Amino acid sequence: MRLIINGEPETIAATTLSQLLAVLDYEGEWLATAVNGELVHREDRDDHLLNDNDRIEILTPMQGG
């Protein structure tokens, strides 16, 4: 499937948002996700189906100060 992940085009075999996060090795991490500008809550990731050319944003927290 062709997706745009954090602004970069990618081809990845995943049909749900949770599968995509597993393929990208984000499992278990605290993060925020959005698909096509809409926030997807953690509990909805298993059911959120992806489509070709979806724009995915994955945000992780930063430490610092």
C-alpha atoms as a PDB file:
ATOM      1  CA  MET A   1       0.000   0.000   0.000  1.00  0.00           C
ATOM      2  CA  ARG A   2       1.261   3.487  -0.823  1.00  0.00           C
ATOM      3  CA  LEU A   3       1.149   5.824   2.172  1.00  0.00           C
ATOM      4  CA  ILE A   4       2.634   9.173   3.087  1.00  0.00           C
ATOM      5  CA  ILE A   5       4.158   8.824   6.545  1.00  0.00           C
ATOM      6  CA  ASN A   6       5.311  12.011   8.246  1.00  0.00           C
ATOM      7  CA  GLY A   7       5.562  13.644   4.827  1.00  0.00           C
ATOM      8  CA  GLU A   8       7.565  10.836   3.172  1.00  0.00           C
ATOM      9  CA  PRO A   9       6.068   8.465   0.574  1.00  0.00           C
ATOM     10  CA  GLU A  10       6.341   4.807   1.597  1.00  0.00           C
ATOM     11  CA  THR A  11       5.085   1.473   0.284  1.00  0.00           C
ATOM     12  CA  ILE A  12       4.161  -0.773   3.218  1.00  0.00           C
ATOM     13  CA  ALA A  13       2.105  -3.962   3.568  1.00  0.00           C
ATOM     14  CA  ALA A  14      -0.392  -2.980   6.275  1.00  0.00           C
ATOM     15  CA  THR A  15      -4.162  -2.704   6.228  1.00  0.00           C
ATOM     16  CA  THR A  16      -4.782  -1.126   9.656  1.00  0.00           C
ATOM     17  CA  LEU A  17      -3.091   1.619  11.589  1.00  0.00           C
ATOM     18  CA  SER A  18      -1.998  -0.812  14.321  1.00  0.00           C
ATOM     19  CA  GLN A  19      -0.389  -3.090  11.691  1.00  0.00           C
ATOM     20  CA  LEU A  20       1.457  -0.109  10.241  1.00  0.00           C
ATOM     21  CA  LEU A  21       2.806   0.846  13.666  1.00  0.00           C
ATOM     22  CA  ALA A  22       3.990  -2.755  14.191  1.00  0.00           C
ATOM     23  CA  VAL A  23       5.764  -2.818  10.806  1.00  0.00           C
ATOM     24  CA  LEU A  24       7.452   0.498  11.633  1.00  0.00           C
ATOM     25  CA  ASP A  25       8.450  -0.869  15.084  1.00  0.00           C
ATOM     26  CA  TYR A  26       6.392   1.627  17.096  1.00  0.00           C
ATOM     27  CA  GLU A  27       4.638  -1.052  19.177  1.00  0.00           C
ATOM     28  CA  GLY A  28       4.495  -0.281  22.873  1.00  0.00           C
ATOM     29  CA  GLU A  29       5.588   3.329  22.503  1.00  0.00           C
ATOM     30  CA  TRP A  30       3.564   6.319  23.654  1.00  0.00           C
ATOM     31  CA  LEU A  31       2.613   8.275  20.573  1.00  0.00           C
ATOM     32  CA  ALA A  32      -0.115  10.211  18.831  1.00  0.00           C
ATOM     33  CA  THR A  33      -1.418   9.222  15.408  1.00  0.00           C
ATOM     34  CA  ALA A  34      -3.457  10.996  12.765  1.00  0.00           C
ATOM     35  CA  VAL A  35      -4.735   9.810   9.396  1.00  0.00           C
ATOM     36  CA  ASN A  36      -5.563  12.470   6.831  1.00  0.00           C
ATOM     37  CA  GLY A  37      -5.556  15.124   9.545  1.00  0.00           C
ATOM     38  CA  GLU A  38      -7.919  13.251  11.893  1.00  0.00           C
ATOM     39  CA  LEU A  39      -6.653  12.063  15.279  1.00  0.00           C
ATOM     40  CA  VAL A  40      -6.922   8.292  15.751  1.00  0.00           C
ATOM     41  CA  HIS A  41      -7.098   7.240  19.398  1.00  0.00           C
ATOM     42  CA  ARG A  42      -5.078   4.265  20.644  1.00  0.00           C
ATOM     43  CA  GLU A  43      -8.193   2.139  21.193  1.00  0.00           C
ATOM     44  CA  ASP A  44      -9.304   2.711  17.565  1.00  0.00           C
ATOM     45  CA  ARG A  45      -6.033   1.790  15.814  1.00  0.00           C
ATOM     46  CA  ASP A  46      -6.886  -1.916  15.377  1.00  0.00           C
ATOM     47  CA  ASP A  47     -10.096  -1.031  13.532  1.00  0.00           C
ATOM     48  CA  HIS A  48      -8.829   1.951  11.526  1.00  0.00           C
ATOM     49  CA  LEU A  49      -8.432   0.724   7.932  1.00  0.00           C
ATOM     50  CA  LEU A  50      -5.845   2.386   5.722  1.00  0.00           C
ATOM     51  CA  ASN A  51      -6.275   3.303   2.053  1.00  0.00           C
ATOM     52  CA  ASP A  52      -3.778   4.040  -0.707  1.00  0.00           C
ATOM     53  CA  ASN A  53      -2.346   7.550  -0.441  1.00  0.00           C
ATOM     54  CA  ASP A  54      -3.483   8.109   3.159  1.00  0.00           C
ATOM     55  CA  ARG A  55      -1.401  10.726   4.974  1.00  0.00           C
ATOM     56  CA  ILE A  56      -0.214   9.328   8.312  1.00  0.00           C
ATOM     57  CA  GLU A  57       1.335  11.452  11.038  1.00  0.00           C
ATOM     58  CA  ILE A  58       3.108   9.693  13.908  1.00  0.00           C
ATOM     59  CA  LEU A  59       4.264  11.879  16.760  1.00  0.00           C
ATOM     60  CA  THR A  60       6.410  10.698  19.661  1.00  0.00           C
ATOM     61  CA  PRO A  61       7.220  12.699  22.791  1.00  0.00           C
ATOM     62  CA  MET A  62      10.570  14.438  23.135  1.00  0.00           C
ATOM     63  CA  GLN A  63      12.546  14.878  26.313  1.00  0.00           C
ATOM     64  CA  GLY A  64      14.529  17.943  26.955  1.00  0.00           C
ATOM     65  CA  GLY A  65      14.247  21.284  28.481  1.00  0.00           C
END
